[in-house]
Amino acid sequence: MTCFNFFTFKLKTITCPNCNWIGQGKELSKGEFFEDSYISEFNCPKCSIEVGFIQFPMKEQMDKWEKENPGKKTDWE
């Protein structure tokens, strides 16, 4: 299982290790969300196997992204 980059994974090419589906991260199905750790799983839209997850960033990580990428939006915007 892959830990995706919160800021950029929606536009990345993803390949399902189970059925070899290929598409962008934004095409993945949302899986389980764990409130205690702010982790969200993402599943293959074809075979539903979990292919990766993200951990939502804390404020410090968001501030760092904005500082290192001035004017660049995240894939979530």
PDB file of N, CA and C in Angstrom:
ATOM      1  N   MET A   1       0.844  -1.170   0.000  1.00  0.00           N
ATOM      2  CA  MET A   1       0.000   0.000   0.000  1.00  0.00           C
ATOM      3  C   MET A   1       0.893   1.239   0.000  1.00  0.00           C
ATOM      4  N   THR A   2       0.467   2.249  -0.726  1.00  0.00           N
ATOM      5  CA  THR A   2       1.270   3.447  -0.915  1.00  0.00           C
ATOM      6  C   THR A   2       0.748   4.611  -0.084  1.00  0.00           C
ATOM      7  N   CYS A   3       1.665   5.357   0.500  1.00  0.00           N
ATOM      8  CA  CYS A   3       1.314   6.609   1.159  1.00  0.00           C
ATOM      9  C   CYS A   3       1.428   7.704   0.111  1.00  0.00           C
ATOM     10  N   PHE A   4       0.287   8.251  -0.309  1.00  0.00           N
ATOM     11  CA  PHE A   4       0.268   9.299  -1.323  1.00  0.00           C
ATOM     12  C   PHE A   4       0.602  10.654  -0.708  1.00  0.00           C
ATOM     13  N   ASN A   5       1.148  11.533  -1.528  1.00  0.00           N
ATOM     14  CA  ASN A   5       1.410  12.902  -1.114  1.00  0.00           C
ATOM     15  C   ASN A   5       0.090  13.666  -1.152  1.00  0.00           C
ATOM     16  N   PHE A   6      -0.355  14.174  -0.018  1.00  0.00           N
ATOM     17  CA  PHE A   6      -1.616  14.903   0.084  1.00  0.00           C
ATOM     18  C   PHE A   6      -1.717  16.012  -0.943  1.00  0.00           C
ATOM     19  N   PHE A   7      -0.638  16.734  -1.149  1.00  0.00           N
ATOM     20  CA  PHE A   7      -0.668  17.936  -1.969  1.00  0.00           C
ATOM     21  C   PHE A   7      -0.746  17.658  -3.464  1.00  0.00           C
ATOM     22  N   THR A   8      -0.264  16.499  -3.908  1.00  0.00           N
ATOM     23  CA  THR A   8      -0.130  16.281  -5.353  1.00  0.00           C
ATOM     24  C   THR A   8      -0.727  14.988  -5.899  1.00  0.00           C
ATOM     25  N   PHE A   9      -1.222  14.088  -5.073  1.00  0.00           N
ATOM     26  CA  PHE A   9      -1.577  12.759  -5.573  1.00  0.00           C
ATOM     27  C   PHE A   9      -2.765  12.738  -6.528  1.00  0.00           C
ATOM     28  N   LYS A  10      -3.660  13.713  -6.458  1.00  0.00           N
ATOM     29  CA  LYS A  10      -4.849  13.672  -7.312  1.00  0.00           C
ATOM     30  C   LYS A  10      -4.519  13.752  -8.799  1.00  0.00           C
ATOM     31  N   LEU A  11      -3.385  14.332  -9.150  1.00  0.00           N
ATOM     32  CA  LEU A  11      -3.009  14.450 -10.561  1.00  0.00           C
ATOM     33  C   LEU A  11      -1.963  13.429 -10.983  1.00  0.00           C
ATOM     34  N   LYS A  12      -1.504  12.613 -10.056  1.00  0.00           N
ATOM     35  CA  LYS A  12      -0.501  11.585 -10.355  1.00  0.00           C
ATOM     36  C   LYS A  12      -1.149  10.370 -11.007  1.00  0.00           C
ATOM     37  N   THR A  13      -0.370   9.670 -11.821  1.00  0.00           N
ATOM     38  CA  THR A  13      -0.841   8.421 -12.420  1.00  0.00           C
ATOM     39  C   THR A  13      -0.683   7.301 -11.406  1.00  0.00           C
ATOM     40  N   ILE A  14      -1.765   6.576 -11.194  1.00  0.00           N
ATOM     41  CA  ILE A  14      -1.806   5.487 -10.218  1.00  0.00           C
ATOM     42  C   ILE A  14      -2.076   4.186 -10.977  1.00  0.00           C
ATOM     43  N   THR A  15      -1.399   3.123 -10.585  1.00  0.00           N
ATOM     44  CA  THR A  15      -1.662   1.796 -11.144  1.00  0.00           C
ATOM     45  C   THR A  15      -2.081   0.867 -10.015  1.00  0.00           C
ATOM     46  N   CYS A  16      -3.200   0.201 -10.188  1.00  0.00           N
ATOM     47  CA  CYS A  16      -3.677  -0.744  -9.184  1.00  0.00           C
ATOM     48  C   CYS A  16      -2.817  -2.003  -9.238  1.00  0.00           C
ATOM     49  N   PRO A  17      -2.265  -2.422  -8.108  1.00  0.00           N
ATOM     50  CA  PRO A  17      -1.428  -3.623  -8.097  1.00  0.00           C
ATOM     51  C   PRO A  17      -2.234  -4.919  -8.268  1.00  0.00           C
ATOM     52  N   ASN A  18      -3.544  -4.829  -8.120  1.00  0.00           N
ATOM     53  CA  ASN A  18      -4.385  -6.018  -8.220  1.00  0.00           C
ATOM     54  C   ASN A  18      -4.908  -6.258  -9.646  1.00  0.00           C
ATOM     55  N   CYS A  19      -5.495  -5.231 -10.280  1.00  0.00           N
ATOM     56  CA  CYS A  19      -6.138  -5.415 -11.586  1.00  0.00           C
ATOM     57  C   CYS A  19      -5.460  -4.633 -12.706  1.00  0.00           C
ATOM     58  N   ASN A  20      -4.402  -3.889 -12.362  1.00  0.00           N
ATOM     59  CA  ASN A  20      -3.632  -3.081 -13.315  1.00  0.00           C
ATOM     60  C   ASN A  20      -4.403  -1.913 -13.921  1.00  0.00           C
ATOM     61  N   TRP A  21      -5.497  -1.496 -13.272  1.00  0.00           N
ATOM     62  CA  TRP A  21      -6.183  -0.268 -13.679  1.00  0.00           C
ATOM     63  C   TRP A  21      -5.186   0.871 -13.610  1.00  0.00           C
ATOM     64  N   ILE A  22      -5.250   1.798 -14.551  1.00  0.00           N
ATOM     65  CA  ILE A  22      -4.369   2.964 -14.559  1.00  0.00           C
ATOM     66  C   ILE A  22      -5.241   4.208 -14.687  1.00  0.00           C
ATOM     67  N   GLY A  23      -4.990   5.174 -13.836  1.00  0.00           N
ATOM     68  CA  GLY A  23      -5.732   6.429 -13.877  1.00  0.00           C
ATOM     69  C   GLY A  23      -5.110   7.431 -12.931  1.00  0.00           C
ATOM     70  N   GLN A  24      -5.750   8.573 -12.805  1.00  0.00           N
ATOM     71  CA  GLN A  24      -5.257   9.608 -11.897  1.00  0.00           C
ATOM     72  C   GLN A  24      -5.804   9.377 -10.499  1.00  0.00           C
ATOM     73  N   GLY A  25      -5.067   9.890  -9.537  1.00  0.00           N
ATOM     74  CA  GLY A  25      -5.477   9.761  -8.147  1.00  0.00           C
ATOM     75  C   GLY A  25      -6.876  10.274  -7.881  1.00  0.00           C
ATOM     76  N   LYS A  26      -7.292  11.311  -8.604  1.00  0.00           N
ATOM     77  CA  LYS A  26      -8.629  11.868  -8.385  1.00  0.00           C
ATOM     78  C   LYS A  26      -9.731  10.903  -8.808  1.00  0.00           C
ATOM     79  N   GLU A  27      -9.394   9.863  -9.553  1.00  0.00           N
ATOM     80  CA  GLU A  27     -10.372   8.868  -9.989  1.00  0.00           C
ATOM     81  C   GLU A  27     -10.549   7.743  -8.973  1.00  0.00           C
ATOM     82  N   LEU A  28      -9.694   7.681  -7.969  1.00  0.00           N
ATOM     83  CA  LEU A  28      -9.808   6.636  -6.955  1.00  0.00           C
ATOM     84  C   LEU A  28     -11.079   6.827  -6.135  1.00  0.00           C
ATOM     85  N   SER A  29     -11.597   5.740  -5.624  1.00  0.00           N
ATOM     86  CA  SER A  29     -12.753   5.788  -4.740  1.00  0.00           C
ATOM     87  C   SER A  29     -12.279   6.033  -3.319  1.00  0.00           C
ATOM     88  N   LYS A  30     -13.062   6.791  -2.572  1.00  0.00           N
ATOM     89  CA  LYS A  30     -12.713   7.020  -1.171  1.00  0.00           C
ATOM     90  C   LYS A  30     -13.041   5.776  -0.368  1.00  0.00           C
ATOM     91  N   GLY A  31     -12.089   5.421   0.470  1.00  0.00           N
ATOM     92  CA  GLY A  31     -12.276   4.277   1.350  1.00  0.00           C
ATOM     93  C   GLY A  31     -12.573   4.741   2.753  1.00  0.00           C
ATOM     94  N   GLU A  32     -12.059   4.026   3.695  1.00  0.00           N
ATOM     95  CA  GLU A  32     -12.297   4.331   5.107  1.00  0.00           C
ATOM     96  C   GLU A  32     -11.506   5.560   5.544  1.00  0.00           C
ATOM     97  N   PHE A  33     -12.089   6.335   6.462  1.00  0.00           N
ATOM     98  CA  PHE A  33     -11.427   7.502   7.039  1.00  0.00           C
ATOM     99  C   PHE A  33     -11.272   7.263   8.530  1.00  0.00           C
ATOM    100  N   PHE A  34     -10.060   7.505   9.029  1.00  0.00           N
ATOM    101  CA  PHE A  34      -9.763   7.292  10.441  1.00  0.00           C
ATOM    102  C   PHE A  34      -9.593   8.649  11.123  1.00  0.00           C
ATOM    103  N   GLU A  35     -10.604   9.036  11.895  1.00  0.00           N
ATOM    104  CA  GLU A  35     -10.618  10.355  12.526  1.00  0.00           C
ATOM    105  C   GLU A  35      -9.480  10.569  13.514  1.00  0.00           C
ATOM    106  N   ASP A  36      -9.055   9.527  14.192  1.00  0.00           N
ATOM    107  CA  ASP A  36      -8.027   9.687  15.217  1.00  0.00           C
ATOM    108  C   ASP A  36      -6.657  10.015  14.626  1.00  0.00           C
ATOM    109  N   SER A  37      -6.423   9.653  13.366  1.00  0.00           N
ATOM    110  CA  SER A  37      -5.117   9.916  12.747  1.00  0.00           C
ATOM    111  C   SER A  37      -5.211  10.772  11.485  1.00  0.00           C
ATOM    112  N   TYR A  38      -6.416  11.158  11.106  1.00  0.00           N
ATOM    113  CA  TYR A  38      -6.655  11.954   9.883  1.00  0.00           C
ATOM    114  C   TYR A  38      -6.105  11.248   8.644  1.00  0.00           C
ATOM    115  N   ILE A  39      -6.287   9.941   8.605  1.00  0.00           N
ATOM    116  CA  ILE A  39      -5.857   9.149   7.454  1.00  0.00           C
ATOM    117  C   ILE A  39      -7.092   8.726   6.665  1.00  0.00           C
ATOM    118  N   SER A  40      -6.988   8.874   5.346  1.00  0.00           N
ATOM    119  CA  SER A  40      -8.060   8.459   4.456  1.00  0.00           C
ATOM    120  C   SER A  40      -7.511   7.454   3.453  1.00  0.00           C
ATOM    121  N   GLU A  41      -8.201   6.338   3.319  1.00  0.00           N
ATOM    122  CA  GLU A  41      -7.791   5.315   2.363  1.00  0.00           C
ATOM    123  C   GLU A  41      -8.448   5.585   1.007  1.00  0.00           C
ATOM    124  N   PHE A  42      -7.784   5.127  -0.056  1.00  0.00           N
ATOM    125  CA  PHE A  42      -8.326   5.268  -1.405  1.00  0.00           C
ATOM    126  C   PHE A  42      -8.268   3.918  -2.105  1.00  0.00           C
ATOM    127  N   ASN A  43      -9.351   3.589  -2.805  1.00  0.00           N
ATOM    128  CA  ASN A  43      -9.515   2.286  -3.430  1.00  0.00           C
ATOM    129  C   ASN A  43      -9.571   2.395  -4.952  1.00  0.00           C
ATOM    130  N   CYS A  44      -9.209   1.302  -5.603  1.00  0.00           N
ATOM    131  CA  CYS A  44      -9.289   1.208  -7.056  1.00  0.00           C
ATOM    132  C   CYS A  44     -10.756   1.305  -7.477  1.00  0.00           C
ATOM    133  N   PRO A  45     -11.086   2.135  -8.469  1.00  0.00           N
ATOM    134  CA  PRO A  45     -12.478   2.236  -8.898  1.00  0.00           C
ATOM    135  C   PRO A  45     -12.957   1.009  -9.682  1.00  0.00           C
ATOM    136  N   LYS A  46     -12.032   0.173 -10.115  1.00  0.00           N
ATOM    137  CA  LYS A  46     -12.401  -1.013 -10.891  1.00  0.00           C
ATOM    138  C   LYS A  46     -12.605  -2.247 -10.007  1.00  0.00           C
ATOM    139  N   CYS A  47     -11.639  -2.546  -9.127  1.00  0.00           N
ATOM    140  CA  CYS A  47     -11.721  -3.776  -8.330  1.00  0.00           C
ATOM    141  C   CYS A  47     -11.931  -3.515  -6.833  1.00  0.00           C
ATOM    142  N   SER A  48     -11.916  -2.269  -6.426  1.00  0.00           N
ATOM    143  CA  SER A  48     -12.186  -1.836  -5.042  1.00  0.00           C
ATOM    144  C   SER A  48     -11.103  -2.175  -4.027  1.00  0.00           C
ATOM    145  N   ILE A  49      -9.958  -2.712  -4.458  1.00  0.00           N
ATOM    146  CA  ILE A  49      -8.878  -2.988  -3.513  1.00  0.00           C
ATOM    147  C   ILE A  49      -8.256  -1.655  -3.059  1.00  0.00           C
ATOM    148  N   GLU A  50      -7.800  -1.608  -1.823  1.00  0.00           N
ATOM    149  CA  GLU A  50      -7.141  -0.407  -1.317  1.00  0.00           C
ATOM    150  C   GLU A  50      -5.775  -0.275  -1.989  1.00  0.00           C
ATOM    151  N   VAL A  51      -5.544   0.889  -2.620  1.00  0.00           N
ATOM    152  CA  VAL A  51      -4.267   1.096  -3.310  1.00  0.00           C
ATOM    153  C   VAL A  51      -3.374   2.105  -2.600  1.00  0.00           C
ATOM    154  N   GLY A  52      -3.919   2.862  -1.685  1.00  0.00           N
ATOM    155  CA  GLY A  52      -3.083   3.820  -0.974  1.00  0.00           C
ATOM    156  C   GLY A  52      -3.884   4.633   0.028  1.00  0.00           C
ATOM    157  N   PHE A  53      -3.184   5.550   0.662  1.00  0.00           N
ATOM    158  CA  PHE A  53      -3.818   6.395   1.669  1.00  0.00           C
ATOM    159  C   PHE A  53      -3.102   7.736   1.723  1.00  0.00           C
ATOM    160  N   ILE A  54      -3.768   8.697   2.325  1.00  0.00           N
ATOM    161  CA  ILE A  54      -3.132   9.987   2.620  1.00  0.00           C
ATOM    162  C   ILE A  54      -3.363  10.288   4.088  1.00  0.00           C
ATOM    163  N   GLN A  55      -2.472  11.083   4.626  1.00  0.00           N
ATOM    164  CA  GLN A  55      -2.697  11.630   5.955  1.00  0.00           C
ATOM    165  C   GLN A  55      -2.848  13.129   5.770  1.00  0.00           C
ATOM    166  N   PHE A  56      -3.978  13.645   6.188  1.00  0.00           N
ATOM    167  CA  PHE A  56      -4.221  15.071   6.032  1.00  0.00           C
ATOM    168  C   PHE A  56      -3.185  15.846   6.844  1.00  0.00           C
ATOM    169  N   PRO A  57      -2.655  16.917   6.278  1.00  0.00           N
ATOM    170  CA  PRO A  57      -1.572  17.658   6.928  1.00  0.00           C
ATOM    171  C   PRO A  57      -2.046  18.517   8.091  1.00  0.00           C
ATOM    172  N   MET A  58      -1.133  18.768   8.986  1.00  0.00           N
ATOM    173  CA  MET A  58      -1.357  19.687  10.083  1.00  0.00           C
ATOM    174  C   MET A  58      -1.082  21.114   9.585  1.00  0.00           C
ATOM    175  N   LYS A  59      -1.434  22.089  10.357  1.00  0.00           N
ATOM    176  CA  LYS A  59      -1.269  23.488   9.953  1.00  0.00           C
ATOM    177  C   LYS A  59       0.183  23.799   9.592  1.00  0.00           C
ATOM    178  N   GLU A  60       1.128  23.265  10.347  1.00  0.00           N
ATOM    179  CA  GLU A  60       2.544  23.534  10.072  1.00  0.00           C
ATOM    180  C   GLU A  60       2.944  23.015   8.685  1.00  0.00           C
ATOM    181  N   GLN A  61       2.415  21.854   8.313  1.00  0.00           N
ATOM    182  CA  GLN A  61       2.722  21.289   6.995  1.00  0.00           C
ATOM    183  C   GLN A  61       2.083  22.117   5.879  1.00  0.00           C
ATOM    184  N   MET A  62       0.876  22.616   6.120  1.00  0.00           N
ATOM    185  CA  MET A  62       0.223  23.484   5.138  1.00  0.00           C
ATOM    186  C   MET A  62       1.017  24.776   4.965  1.00  0.00           C
ATOM    187  N   ASP A  63       1.457  25.355   6.078  1.00  0.00           N
ATOM    188  CA  ASP A  63       2.256  26.585   6.016  1.00  0.00           C
ATOM    189  C   ASP A  63       3.555  26.345   5.251  1.00  0.00           C
ATOM    190  N   LYS A  64       4.194  25.215   5.488  1.00  0.00           N
ATOM    191  CA  LYS A  64       5.437  24.875   4.792  1.00  0.00           C
ATOM    192  C   LYS A  64       5.186  24.730   3.293  1.00  0.00           C
ATOM    193  N   TRP A  65       4.109  24.051   2.902  1.00  0.00           N
ATOM    194  CA  TRP A  65       3.759  23.892   1.487  1.00  0.00           C
ATOM    195  C   TRP A  65       3.593  25.267   0.828  1.00  0.00           C
ATOM    196  N   GLU A  66       2.837  26.140   1.476  1.00  0.00           N
ATOM    197  CA  GLU A  66       2.580  27.465   0.916  1.00  0.00           C
ATOM    198  C   GLU A  66       3.867  28.273   0.788  1.00  0.00           C
ATOM    199  N   LYS A  67       4.756  28.142   1.755  1.00  0.00           N
ATOM    200  CA  LYS A  67       6.030  28.863   1.713  1.00  0.00           C
ATOM    201  C   LYS A  67       6.930  28.335   0.602  1.00  0.00           C
ATOM    202  N   GLU A  68       6.978  26.998   0.435  1.00  0.00           N
ATOM    203  CA  GLU A  68       7.848  26.383  -0.566  1.00  0.00           C
ATOM    204  C   GLU A  68       7.251  26.389  -1.975  1.00  0.00           C
ATOM    205  N   ASN A  69       5.949  26.643  -2.081  1.00  0.00           N
ATOM    206  CA  ASN A  69       5.258  26.617  -3.373  1.00  0.00           C
ATOM    207  C   ASN A  69       4.370  27.850  -3.521  1.00  0.00           C
ATOM    208  N   PRO A  70       4.971  29.049  -3.503  1.00  0.00           N
ATOM    209  CA  PRO A  70       4.161  30.267  -3.537  1.00  0.00           C
ATOM    210  C   PRO A  70       3.273  30.327  -4.783  1.00  0.00           C
ATOM    211  N   GLY A  71       2.008  30.579  -4.553  1.00  0.00           N
ATOM    212  CA  GLY A  71       1.042  30.705  -5.646  1.00  0.00           C
ATOM    213  C   GLY A  71       0.567  29.400  -6.240  1.00  0.00           C
ATOM    214  N   LYS A  72       1.169  28.283  -5.850  1.00  0.00           N
ATOM    215  CA  LYS A  72       0.762  26.992  -6.389  1.00  0.00           C
ATOM    216  C   LYS A  72      -0.340  26.393  -5.503  1.00  0.00           C
ATOM    217  N   LYS A  73      -1.408  25.990  -6.145  1.00  0.00           N
ATOM    218  CA  LYS A  73      -2.509  25.398  -5.396  1.00  0.00           C
ATOM    219  C   LYS A  73      -2.263  23.910  -5.209  1.00  0.00           C
ATOM    220  N   THR A  74      -2.851  23.358  -4.175  1.00  0.00           N
ATOM    221  CA  THR A  74      -2.801  21.917  -3.983  1.00  0.00           C
ATOM    222  C   THR A  74      -3.804  21.273  -4.920  1.00  0.00           C
ATOM    223  N   ASP A  75      -3.757  19.971  -5.061  1.00  0.00           N
ATOM    224  CA  ASP A  75      -4.725  19.264  -5.902  1.00  0.00           C
ATOM    225  C   ASP A  75      -6.128  19.288  -5.303  1.00  0.00           C
ATOM    226  N   TRP A  76      -6.268  19.747  -4.082  1.00  0.00           N
ATOM    227  CA  TRP A  76      -7.563  19.766  -3.413  1.00  0.00           C
ATOM    228  C   TRP A  76      -8.342  21.042  -3.700  1.00  0.00           C
ATOM    229  N   GLU A  77      -7.689  22.024  -4.286  1.00  0.00           N
ATOM    230  CA  GLU A  77      -8.356  23.302  -4.559  1.00  0.00           C
ATOM    231  C   GLU A  77      -8.909  23.346  -5.953  1.00  0.00           C
TER     232      GLU A  77
END
